[in-house]
Structure formats: C-alpha cells, structure tokens
Amino acid sequence: MDYSEEFAEELEDYIKENYEVYDRFTFDYLFRKLLRDGYDHEEALDIIIHNCALSTLVMQERIYNSYYLKISVNEKISDDLLELRNEIFNKYFKNRVFHIGS
C-alpha cells in the first residue's frame, strides 16, 4: 500500500468519525488537515462538501462568504475564531471576577 492509499483510508476513517461539521472550529480543523496533506483550497472544499454534513453557519460563514480561501496551514486558529474565543473568555472571567467578592 502506498502513501496515497494510506492517506485516503485515513481521511475516509476521519470523515466517517467526524462527518458532522456543524461549527467553524471543526470545519477549519478539517480544512487545514486537508491543506497540510497537499490539497489546494478548492479540492479541500470539494472533499468536505461531498463527504460531510454541514450546518447553515458553516455554509454561510466559511463557504458562501469565501472565508475558506483565507484559511492557511500557517495559523493554528482563524482570526475570527480567535476573536470569538477571546470575547467568550473575557465575558466568562469578567463575570467570575465580579461574582467572587459577592
């Protein structure tokens, strides 16, 4: 078995286990995995669309708005998700700090 066959089986197994792509974090993770394995942006998108169940949020925020073209293997997390994560952490810790003294 050569590398491409091994990778195809590994990808198939991964998608079978994670075919529900309902959030942007999952989409970005899978998309970056495909980019790292040598697929270009359009090929990676085609694989995901063909093999995965996608939420409306993912369809709009990543595909319809063409954000998938901005995803790079050189980043760990997309800028918009980093901003969302920071906003959630800030709200959580702000509420925790103010409730500790109460």
PDB file of N, CA and C in Angstrom:
ATOM      1  N   MET A   1       0.848  -1.175   0.000  1.00  0.00           N
ATOM      2  CA  MET A   1       0.000   0.000   0.000  1.00  0.00           C
ATOM      3  C   MET A   1       0.897   1.242   0.000  1.00  0.00           C
ATOM      4  N   ASP A   2       0.663   2.154  -0.928  1.00  0.00           N
ATOM      5  CA  ASP A   2       1.482   3.352  -0.985  1.00  0.00           C
ATOM      6  C   ASP A   2       0.871   4.463  -0.127  1.00  0.00           C
ATOM      7  N   TYR A   3       1.591   5.581  -0.057  1.00  0.00           N
ATOM      8  CA  TYR A   3       1.182   6.677   0.818  1.00  0.00           C
ATOM      9  C   TYR A   3      -0.207   7.197   0.466  1.00  0.00           C
ATOM     10  N   SER A   4      -0.497   7.379  -0.829  1.00  0.00           N
ATOM     11  CA  SER A   4      -1.788   7.953  -1.202  1.00  0.00           C
ATOM     12  C   SER A   4      -2.940   7.044  -0.798  1.00  0.00           C
ATOM     13  N   GLU A   5      -2.748   5.735  -0.876  1.00  0.00           N
ATOM     14  CA  GLU A   5      -3.792   4.807  -0.441  1.00  0.00           C
ATOM     15  C   GLU A   5      -3.967   4.858   1.075  1.00  0.00           C
ATOM     16  N   GLU A   6      -2.830   4.924   1.791  1.00  0.00           N
ATOM     17  CA  GLU A   6      -2.898   5.030   3.254  1.00  0.00           C
ATOM     18  C   GLU A   6      -3.621   6.305   3.662  1.00  0.00           C
ATOM     19  N   PHE A   7      -3.251   7.414   2.992  1.00  0.00           N
ATOM     20  CA  PHE A   7      -3.874   8.691   3.331  1.00  0.00           C
ATOM     21  C   PHE A   7      -5.365   8.661   3.013  1.00  0.00           C
ATOM     22  N   ALA A   8      -5.740   8.093   1.879  1.00  0.00           N
ATOM     23  CA  ALA A   8      -7.150   8.021   1.504  1.00  0.00           C
ATOM     24  C   ALA A   8      -7.942   7.248   2.553  1.00  0.00           C
ATOM     25  N   GLU A   9      -7.381   6.157   3.041  1.00  0.00           N
ATOM     26  CA  GLU A   9      -8.053   5.379   4.082  1.00  0.00           C
ATOM     27  C   GLU A   9      -8.135   6.159   5.391  1.00  0.00           C
ATOM     28  N   GLU A  10      -7.042   6.833   5.741  1.00  0.00           N
ATOM     29  CA  GLU A  10      -7.027   7.632   6.973  1.00  0.00           C
ATOM     30  C   GLU A  10      -8.050   8.753   6.887  1.00  0.00           C
ATOM     31  N   LEU A  11      -8.105   9.434   5.742  1.00  0.00           N
ATOM     32  CA  LEU A  11      -9.062  10.515   5.552  1.00  0.00           C
ATOM     33  C   LEU A  11     -10.483   9.977   5.606  1.00  0.00           C
ATOM     34  N   GLU A  12     -10.716   8.874   4.949  1.00  0.00           N
ATOM     35  CA  GLU A  12     -12.041   8.271   4.947  1.00  0.00           C
ATOM     36  C   GLU A  12     -12.467   7.912   6.371  1.00  0.00           C
ATOM     37  N   ASP A  13     -11.573   7.328   7.153  1.00  0.00           N
ATOM     38  CA  ASP A  13     -11.888   6.985   8.539  1.00  0.00           C
ATOM     39  C   ASP A  13     -12.178   8.243   9.354  1.00  0.00           C
ATOM     40  N   TYR A  14     -11.361   9.285   9.163  1.00  0.00           N
ATOM     41  CA  TYR A  14     -11.554  10.528   9.915  1.00  0.00           C
ATOM     42  C   TYR A  14     -12.917  11.135   9.591  1.00  0.00           C
ATOM     43  N   ILE A  15     -13.248  11.184   8.306  1.00  0.00           N
ATOM     44  CA  ILE A  15     -14.518  11.786   7.912  1.00  0.00           C
ATOM     45  C   ILE A  15     -15.692  10.945   8.397  1.00  0.00           C
ATOM     46  N   LYS A  16     -15.552   9.634   8.368  1.00  0.00           N
ATOM     47  CA  LYS A  16     -16.626   8.774   8.876  1.00  0.00           C
ATOM     48  C   LYS A  16     -16.894   9.059  10.348  1.00  0.00           C
ATOM     49  N   GLU A  17     -15.839   9.288  11.112  1.00  0.00           N
ATOM     50  CA  GLU A  17     -15.980   9.552  12.540  1.00  0.00           C
ATOM     51  C   GLU A  17     -16.410  10.982  12.823  1.00  0.00           C
ATOM     52  N   ASN A  18     -16.135  11.896  11.915  1.00  0.00           N
ATOM     53  CA  ASN A  18     -16.386  13.324  12.143  1.00  0.00           C
ATOM     54  C   ASN A  18     -17.112  13.967  10.967  1.00  0.00           C
ATOM     55  N   TYR A  19     -18.097  13.268  10.421  1.00  0.00           N
ATOM     56  CA  TYR A  19     -18.751  13.777   9.224  1.00  0.00           C
ATOM     57  C   TYR A  19     -19.666  14.966   9.509  1.00  0.00           C
ATOM     58  N   GLU A  20     -20.064  15.167  10.752  1.00  0.00           N
ATOM     59  CA  GLU A  20     -20.912  16.296  11.108  1.00  0.00           C
ATOM     60  C   GLU A  20     -20.033  17.517  11.366  1.00  0.00           C
ATOM     61  N   VAL A  21     -20.081  18.457  10.455  1.00  0.00           N
ATOM     62  CA  VAL A  21     -19.273  19.669  10.565  1.00  0.00           C
ATOM     63  C   VAL A  21     -20.244  20.823  10.799  1.00  0.00           C
ATOM     64  N   TYR A  22     -20.605  20.999  12.070  1.00  0.00           N
ATOM     65  CA  TYR A  22     -21.631  21.973  12.415  1.00  0.00           C
ATOM     66  C   TYR A  22     -21.062  23.278  12.974  1.00  0.00           C
ATOM     67  N   ASP A  23     -19.779  23.330  13.222  1.00  0.00           N
ATOM     68  CA  ASP A  23     -19.199  24.564  13.754  1.00  0.00           C
ATOM     69  C   ASP A  23     -17.945  24.932  12.966  1.00  0.00           C
ATOM     70  N   ARG A  24     -17.563  26.178  13.083  1.00  0.00           N
ATOM     71  CA  ARG A  24     -16.427  26.694  12.316  1.00  0.00           C
ATOM     72  C   ARG A  24     -15.099  26.110  12.791  1.00  0.00           C
ATOM     73  N   PHE A  25     -14.992  25.780  14.062  1.00  0.00           N
ATOM     74  CA  PHE A  25     -13.755  25.188  14.560  1.00  0.00           C
ATOM     75  C   PHE A  25     -13.491  23.846  13.884  1.00  0.00           C
ATOM     76  N   THR A  26     -14.520  23.016  13.795  1.00  0.00           N
ATOM     77  CA  THR A  26     -14.384  21.706  13.154  1.00  0.00           C
ATOM     78  C   THR A  26     -14.077  21.856  11.677  1.00  0.00           C
ATOM     79  N   PHE A  27     -14.790  22.759  11.005  1.00  0.00           N
ATOM     80  CA  PHE A  27     -14.534  22.989   9.583  1.00  0.00           C
ATOM     81  C   PHE A  27     -13.089  23.399   9.355  1.00  0.00           C
ATOM     82  N   ASP A  28     -12.629  24.372  10.130  1.00  0.00           N
ATOM     83  CA  ASP A  28     -11.263  24.876   9.954  1.00  0.00           C
ATOM     84  C   ASP A  28     -10.229  23.791  10.229  1.00  0.00           C
ATOM     85  N   TYR A  29     -10.460  22.984  11.258  1.00  0.00           N
ATOM     86  CA  TYR A  29      -9.520  21.906  11.583  1.00  0.00           C
ATOM     87  C   TYR A  29      -9.420  20.925  10.421  1.00  0.00           C
ATOM     88  N   LEU A  30     -10.550  20.477   9.922  1.00  0.00           N
ATOM     89  CA  LEU A  30     -10.559  19.529   8.817  1.00  0.00           C
ATOM     90  C   LEU A  30      -9.973  20.159   7.553  1.00  0.00           C
ATOM     91  N   PHE A  31     -10.315  21.405   7.300  1.00  0.00           N
ATOM     92  CA  PHE A  31      -9.811  22.100   6.119  1.00  0.00           C
ATOM     93  C   PHE A  31      -8.288  22.217   6.171  1.00  0.00           C
ATOM     94  N   ARG A  32      -7.746  22.610   7.332  1.00  0.00           N
ATOM     95  CA  ARG A  32      -6.287  22.713   7.471  1.00  0.00           C
ATOM     96  C   ARG A  32      -5.618  21.349   7.319  1.00  0.00           C
ATOM     97  N   LYS A  33      -6.247  20.320   7.831  1.00  0.00           N
ATOM     98  CA  LYS A  33      -5.710  18.964   7.690  1.00  0.00           C
ATOM     99  C   LYS A  33      -5.578  18.613   6.216  1.00  0.00           C
ATOM    100  N   LEU A  34      -6.581  18.926   5.443  1.00  0.00           N
ATOM    101  CA  LEU A  34      -6.537  18.649   4.005  1.00  0.00           C
ATOM    102  C   LEU A  34      -5.478  19.501   3.301  1.00  0.00           C
ATOM    103  N   LEU A  35      -5.361  20.764   3.691  1.00  0.00           N
ATOM    104  CA  LEU A  35      -4.327  21.627   3.101  1.00  0.00           C
ATOM    105  C   LEU A  35      -2.928  21.087   3.412  1.00  0.00           C
ATOM    106  N   ARG A  36      -2.718  20.665   4.660  1.00  0.00           N
ATOM    107  CA  ARG A  36      -1.409  20.118   5.047  1.00  0.00           C
ATOM    108  C   ARG A  36      -1.077  18.853   4.267  1.00  0.00           C
ATOM    109  N   ASP A  37      -2.105  18.123   3.871  1.00  0.00           N
ATOM    110  CA  ASP A  37      -1.885  16.880   3.137  1.00  0.00           C
ATOM    111  C   ASP A  37      -1.800  17.090   1.629  1.00  0.00           C
ATOM    112  N   GLY A  38      -1.691  18.350   1.212  1.00  0.00           N
ATOM    113  CA  GLY A  38      -1.400  18.629  -0.186  1.00  0.00           C
ATOM    114  C   GLY A  38      -2.556  19.041  -1.070  1.00  0.00           C
ATOM    115  N   TYR A  39      -3.755  19.091  -0.533  1.00  0.00           N
ATOM    116  CA  TYR A  39      -4.881  19.541  -1.339  1.00  0.00           C
ATOM    117  C   TYR A  39      -4.882  21.064  -1.407  1.00  0.00           C
ATOM    118  N   ASP A  40      -5.340  21.613  -2.529  1.00  0.00           N
ATOM    119  CA  ASP A  40      -5.481  23.067  -2.586  1.00  0.00           C
ATOM    120  C   ASP A  40      -6.842  23.442  -1.992  1.00  0.00           C
ATOM    121  N   HIS A  41      -7.134  24.730  -1.914  1.00  0.00           N
ATOM    122  CA  HIS A  41      -8.351  25.194  -1.252  1.00  0.00           C
ATOM    123  C   HIS A  41      -9.620  24.633  -1.898  1.00  0.00           C
ATOM    124  N   GLU A  42      -9.660  24.620  -3.215  1.00  0.00           N
ATOM    125  CA  GLU A  42     -10.859  24.130  -3.906  1.00  0.00           C
ATOM    126  C   GLU A  42     -11.037  22.621  -3.728  1.00  0.00           C
ATOM    127  N   GLU A  43      -9.950  21.874  -3.788  1.00  0.00           N
ATOM    128  CA  GLU A  43     -10.027  20.418  -3.591  1.00  0.00           C
ATOM    129  C   GLU A  43     -10.482  20.089  -2.167  1.00  0.00           C
ATOM    130  N   ALA A  44      -9.919  20.793  -1.191  1.00  0.00           N
ATOM    131  CA  ALA A  44     -10.300  20.568   0.205  1.00  0.00           C
ATOM    132  C   ALA A  44     -11.781  20.875   0.413  1.00  0.00           C
ATOM    133  N   LEU A  45     -12.235  21.969  -0.176  1.00  0.00           N
ATOM    134  CA  LEU A  45     -13.644  22.329  -0.072  1.00  0.00           C
ATOM    135  C   LEU A  45     -14.527  21.259  -0.710  1.00  0.00           C
ATOM    136  N   ASP A  46     -14.145  20.786  -1.877  1.00  0.00           N
ATOM    137  CA  ASP A  46     -14.921  19.749  -2.564  1.00  0.00           C
ATOM    138  C   ASP A  46     -15.021  18.471  -1.724  1.00  0.00           C
ATOM    139  N   ILE A  47     -13.916  18.078  -1.102  1.00  0.00           N
ATOM    140  CA  ILE A  47     -13.919  16.871  -0.268  1.00  0.00           C
ATOM    141  C   ILE A  47     -14.879  17.034   0.908  1.00  0.00           C
ATOM    142  N   ILE A  48     -14.827  18.184   1.546  1.00  0.00           N
ATOM    143  CA  ILE A  48     -15.696  18.431   2.693  1.00  0.00           C
ATOM    144  C   ILE A  48     -17.161  18.482   2.269  1.00  0.00           C
ATOM    145  N   ILE A  49     -17.456  19.198   1.203  1.00  0.00           N
ATOM    146  CA  ILE A  49     -18.848  19.300   0.747  1.00  0.00           C
ATOM    147  C   ILE A  49     -19.390  17.930   0.353  1.00  0.00           C
ATOM    148  N   HIS A  50     -18.567  17.140  -0.288  1.00  0.00           N
ATOM    149  CA  HIS A  50     -19.012  15.832  -0.765  1.00  0.00           C
ATOM    150  C   HIS A  50     -19.208  14.819   0.369  1.00  0.00           C
ATOM    151  N   ASN A  51     -18.396  14.916   1.417  1.00  0.00           N
ATOM    152  CA  ASN A  51     -18.383  13.877   2.447  1.00  0.00           C
ATOM    153  C   ASN A  51     -18.992  14.248   3.789  1.00  0.00           C
ATOM    154  N   CYS A  52     -19.295  15.506   4.012  1.00  0.00           N
ATOM    155  CA  CYS A  52     -19.698  15.940   5.347  1.00  0.00           C
ATOM    156  C   CYS A  52     -21.077  16.592   5.353  1.00  0.00           C
ATOM    157  N   ALA A  53     -21.733  16.475   6.496  1.00  0.00           N
ATOM    158  CA  ALA A  53     -22.964  17.213   6.748  1.00  0.00           C
ATOM    159  C   ALA A  53     -22.558  18.564   7.329  1.00  0.00           C
ATOM    160  N   LEU A  54     -23.011  19.635   6.701  1.00  0.00           N
ATOM    161  CA  LEU A  54     -22.592  20.975   7.103  1.00  0.00           C
ATOM    162  C   LEU A  54     -23.770  21.765   7.655  1.00  0.00           C
ATOM    163  N   SER A  55     -23.503  22.572   8.659  1.00  0.00           N
ATOM    164  CA  SER A  55     -24.541  23.429   9.231  1.00  0.00           C
ATOM    165  C   SER A  55     -24.705  24.673   8.358  1.00  0.00           C
ATOM    166  N   THR A  56     -25.799  25.363   8.584  1.00  0.00           N
ATOM    167  CA  THR A  56     -26.032  26.622   7.877  1.00  0.00           C
ATOM    168  C   THR A  56     -24.949  27.635   8.233  1.00  0.00           C
ATOM    169  N   LEU A  57     -24.538  27.643   9.500  1.00  0.00           N
ATOM    170  CA  LEU A  57     -23.487  28.563   9.934  1.00  0.00           C
ATOM    171  C   LEU A  57     -22.197  28.325   9.156  1.00  0.00           C
ATOM    172  N   VAL A  58     -21.783  27.081   9.030  1.00  0.00           N
ATOM    173  CA  VAL A  58     -20.564  26.751   8.288  1.00  0.00           C
ATOM    174  C   VAL A  58     -20.734  27.122   6.813  1.00  0.00           C
ATOM    175  N   MET A  59     -21.886  26.778   6.251  1.00  0.00           N
ATOM    176  CA  MET A  59     -22.121  27.102   4.839  1.00  0.00           C
ATOM    177  C   MET A  59     -22.011  28.604   4.591  1.00  0.00           C
ATOM    178  N   GLN A  60     -22.612  29.392   5.472  1.00  0.00           N
ATOM    179  CA  GLN A  60     -22.593  30.840   5.274  1.00  0.00           C
ATOM    180  C   GLN A  60     -21.244  31.448   5.619  1.00  0.00           C
ATOM    181  N   GLU A  61     -20.740  31.167   6.808  1.00  0.00           N
ATOM    182  CA  GLU A  61     -19.534  31.836   7.300  1.00  0.00           C
ATOM    183  C   GLU A  61     -18.241  31.371   6.633  1.00  0.00           C
ATOM    184  N   ARG A  62     -18.204  30.136   6.174  1.00  0.00           N
ATOM    185  CA  ARG A  62     -16.973  29.622   5.597  1.00  0.00           C
ATOM    186  C   ARG A  62     -17.027  29.468   4.080  1.00  0.00           C
ATOM    187  N   ILE A  63     -18.157  29.035   3.573  1.00  0.00           N
ATOM    188  CA  ILE A  63     -18.231  28.712   2.144  1.00  0.00           C
ATOM    189  C   ILE A  63     -18.830  29.866   1.344  1.00  0.00           C
ATOM    190  N   TYR A  64     -20.062  30.259   1.645  1.00  0.00           N
ATOM    191  CA  TYR A  64     -20.727  31.314   0.892  1.00  0.00           C
ATOM    192  C   TYR A  64     -19.927  32.612   0.927  1.00  0.00           C
ATOM    193  N   ASN A  65     -19.399  32.965   2.086  1.00  0.00           N
ATOM    194  CA  ASN A  65     -18.607  34.196   2.229  1.00  0.00           C
ATOM    195  C   ASN A  65     -17.159  34.019   1.777  1.00  0.00           C
ATOM    196  N   SER A  66     -16.801  32.835   1.292  1.00  0.00           N
ATOM    197  CA  SER A  66     -15.459  32.508   0.771  1.00  0.00           C
ATOM    198  C   SER A  66     -14.353  32.649   1.809  1.00  0.00           C
ATOM    199  N   TYR A  67     -14.703  32.523   3.094  1.00  0.00           N
ATOM    200  CA  TYR A  67     -13.676  32.621   4.133  1.00  0.00           C
ATOM    201  C   TYR A  67     -12.687  31.468   4.043  1.00  0.00           C
ATOM    202  N   TYR A  68     -13.105  30.336   3.488  1.00  0.00           N
ATOM    203  CA  TYR A  68     -12.209  29.184   3.366  1.00  0.00           C
ATOM    204  C   TYR A  68     -10.949  29.528   2.583  1.00  0.00           C
ATOM    205  N   LEU A  69     -11.032  30.522   1.710  1.00  0.00           N
ATOM    206  CA  LEU A  69      -9.849  30.929   0.935  1.00  0.00           C
ATOM    207  C   LEU A  69      -8.794  31.609   1.810  1.00  0.00           C
ATOM    208  N   LYS A  70      -9.203  32.123   2.981  1.00  0.00           N
ATOM    209  CA  LYS A  70      -8.270  32.791   3.902  1.00  0.00           C
ATOM    210  C   LYS A  70      -7.597  31.813   4.853  1.00  0.00           C
ATOM    211  N   ILE A  71      -8.095  30.589   4.937  1.00  0.00           N
ATOM    212  CA  ILE A  71      -7.549  29.613   5.874  1.00  0.00           C
ATOM    213  C   ILE A  71      -6.184  29.159   5.395  1.00  0.00           C
ATOM    214  N   SER A  72      -5.237  29.148   6.305  1.00  0.00           N
ATOM    215  CA  SER A  72      -3.855  28.818   5.979  1.00  0.00           C
ATOM    216  C   SER A  72      -3.321  27.765   6.935  1.00  0.00           C
ATOM    217  N   VAL A  73      -2.405  26.959   6.445  1.00  0.00           N
ATOM    218  CA  VAL A  73      -1.770  25.964   7.316  1.00  0.00           C
ATOM    219  C   VAL A  73      -0.804  26.631   8.281  1.00  0.00           C
ATOM    220  N   ASN A  74      -0.465  27.875   8.034  1.00  0.00           N
ATOM    221  CA  ASN A  74       0.497  28.586   8.874  1.00  0.00           C
ATOM    222  C   ASN A  74      -0.115  29.153  10.145  1.00  0.00           C
ATOM    223  N   GLU A  75      -1.421  29.034  10.296  1.00  0.00           N
ATOM    224  CA  GLU A  75      -2.064  29.539  11.500  1.00  0.00           C
ATOM    225  C   GLU A  75      -2.736  28.391  12.242  1.00  0.00           C
ATOM    226  N   LYS A  76      -2.808  28.506  13.538  1.00  0.00           N
ATOM    227  CA  LYS A  76      -3.440  27.468  14.362  1.00  0.00           C
ATOM    228  C   LYS A  76      -4.948  27.666  14.430  1.00  0.00           C
ATOM    229  N   ILE A  77      -5.367  28.928  14.483  1.00  0.00           N
ATOM    230  CA  ILE A  77      -6.786  29.260  14.602  1.00  0.00           C
ATOM    231  C   ILE A  77      -7.048  30.497  13.753  1.00  0.00           C
ATOM    232  N   SER A  78      -8.188  30.519  13.095  1.00  0.00           N
ATOM    233  CA  SER A  78      -8.546  31.646  12.234  1.00  0.00           C
ATOM    234  C   SER A  78      -8.784  32.893  13.069  1.00  0.00           C
ATOM    235  N   ASP A  79      -8.534  34.049  12.477  1.00  0.00           N
ATOM    236  CA  ASP A  79      -8.663  35.317  13.192  1.00  0.00           C
ATOM    237  C   ASP A  79     -10.055  35.526  13.779  1.00  0.00           C
ATOM    238  N   ASP A  80     -11.090  35.192  13.017  1.00  0.00           N
ATOM    239  CA  ASP A  80     -12.443  35.410  13.525  1.00  0.00           C
ATOM    240  C   ASP A  80     -12.757  34.493  14.703  1.00  0.00           C
ATOM    241  N   LEU A  81     -12.215  33.288  14.692  1.00  0.00           N
ATOM    242  CA  LEU A  81     -12.441  32.362  15.808  1.00  0.00           C
ATOM    243  C   LEU A  81     -11.604  32.747  17.020  1.00  0.00           C
ATOM    244  N   LEU A  82     -10.438  33.295  16.786  1.00  0.00           N
ATOM    245  CA  LEU A  82      -9.603  33.802  17.875  1.00  0.00           C
ATOM    246  C   LEU A  82     -10.323  34.958  18.575  1.00  0.00           C
ATOM    247  N   GLU A  83     -10.923  35.824  17.787  1.00  0.00           N
ATOM    248  CA  GLU A  83     -11.683  36.938  18.348  1.00  0.00           C
ATOM    249  C   GLU A  83     -12.889  36.431  19.148  1.00  0.00           C
ATOM    250  N   LEU A  84     -13.595  35.446  18.616  1.00  0.00           N
ATOM    251  CA  LEU A  84     -14.734  34.852  19.318  1.00  0.00           C
ATOM    252  C   LEU A  84     -14.288  34.205  20.629  1.00  0.00           C
ATOM    253  N   ARG A  85     -13.204  33.440  20.574  1.00  0.00           N
ATOM    254  CA  ARG A  85     -12.690  32.780  21.779  1.00  0.00           C
ATOM    255  C   ARG A  85     -12.322  33.810  22.842  1.00  0.00           C
ATOM    256  N   ASN A  86     -11.633  34.867  22.433  1.00  0.00           N
ATOM    257  CA  ASN A  86     -11.221  35.900  23.382  1.00  0.00           C
ATOM    258  C   ASN A  86     -12.425  36.612  23.989  1.00  0.00           C
ATOM    259  N   GLU A  87     -13.447  36.852  23.180  1.00  0.00           N
ATOM    260  CA  GLU A  87     -14.654  37.501  23.674  1.00  0.00           C
ATOM    261  C   GLU A  87     -15.343  36.627  24.722  1.00  0.00           C
ATOM    262  N   ILE A  88     -15.429  35.342  24.451  1.00  0.00           N
ATOM    263  CA  ILE A  88     -16.057  34.418  25.407  1.00  0.00           C
ATOM    264  C   ILE A  88     -15.250  34.343  26.698  1.00  0.00           C
ATOM    265  N   PHE A  89     -13.926  34.214  26.578  1.00  0.00           N
ATOM    266  CA  PHE A  89     -13.083  34.163  27.771  1.00  0.00           C
ATOM    267  C   PHE A  89     -13.206  35.446  28.583  1.00  0.00           C
ATOM    268  N   ASN A  90     -13.190  36.585  27.914  1.00  0.00           N
ATOM    269  CA  ASN A  90     -13.295  37.859  28.622  1.00  0.00           C
ATOM    270  C   ASN A  90     -14.615  37.975  29.367  1.00  0.00           C
ATOM    271  N   LYS A  91     -15.712  37.584  28.733  1.00  0.00           N
ATOM    272  CA  LYS A  91     -17.023  37.638  29.400  1.00  0.00           C
ATOM    273  C   LYS A  91     -17.061  36.675  30.579  1.00  0.00           C
ATOM    274  N   TYR A  92     -16.543  35.485  30.389  1.00  0.00           N
ATOM    275  CA  TYR A  92     -16.556  34.483  31.445  1.00  0.00           C
ATOM    276  C   TYR A  92     -15.743  34.952  32.651  1.00  0.00           C
ATOM    277  N   PHE A  93     -14.502  35.394  32.403  1.00  0.00           N
ATOM    278  CA  PHE A  93     -13.644  35.790  33.516  1.00  0.00           C
ATOM    279  C   PHE A  93     -14.113  37.086  34.151  1.00  0.00           C
ATOM    280  N   LYS A  94     -14.699  37.968  33.368  1.00  0.00           N
ATOM    281  CA  LYS A  94     -15.233  39.206  33.925  1.00  0.00           C
ATOM    282  C   LYS A  94     -16.356  38.867  34.897  1.00  0.00           C
ATOM    283  N   ASN A  95     -17.233  37.974  34.500  1.00  0.00           N
ATOM    284  CA  ASN A  95     -18.332  37.565  35.384  1.00  0.00           C
ATOM    285  C   ASN A  95     -17.808  36.815  36.600  1.00  0.00           C
ATOM    286  N   ARG A  96     -16.792  35.975  36.430  1.00  0.00           N
ATOM    287  CA  ARG A  96     -16.226  35.213  37.548  1.00  0.00           C
ATOM    288  C   ARG A  96     -15.561  36.146  38.558  1.00  0.00           C
ATOM    289  N   VAL A  97     -14.820  37.135  38.083  1.00  0.00           N
ATOM    290  CA  VAL A  97     -14.116  38.054  38.981  1.00  0.00           C
ATOM    291  C   VAL A  97     -15.112  38.872  39.787  1.00  0.00           C
ATOM    292  N   PHE A  98     -16.164  39.347  39.165  1.00  0.00           N
ATOM    293  CA  PHE A  98     -17.135  40.174  39.874  1.00  0.00           C
ATOM    294  C   PHE A  98     -18.006  39.363  40.824  1.00  0.00           C
ATOM    295  N   HIS A  99     -18.169  38.092  40.605  1.00  0.00           N
ATOM    296  CA  HIS A  99     -19.007  37.260  41.467  1.00  0.00           C
ATOM    297  C   HIS A  99     -18.213  36.655  42.625  1.00  0.00           C
ATOM    298  N   ILE A 100     -16.924  36.651  42.563  1.00  0.00           N
ATOM    299  CA  ILE A 100     -16.100  36.066  43.625  1.00  0.00           C
ATOM    300  C   ILE A 100     -16.267  36.856  44.915  1.00  0.00           C
ATOM    301  N   GLY A 101     -16.248  38.164  44.823  1.00  0.00           N
ATOM    302  CA  GLY A 101     -16.340  39.007  46.011  1.00  0.00           C
ATOM    303  C   GLY A 101     -17.762  39.152  46.544  1.00  0.00           C
ATOM    304  N   SER A 102     -18.730  38.748  45.769  1.00  0.00           N
ATOM    305  CA  SER A 102     -20.133  38.940  46.182  1.00  0.00           C
ATOM    306  C   SER A 102     -20.582  37.942  47.208  1.00  0.00           C
TER     307      SER A 102
END
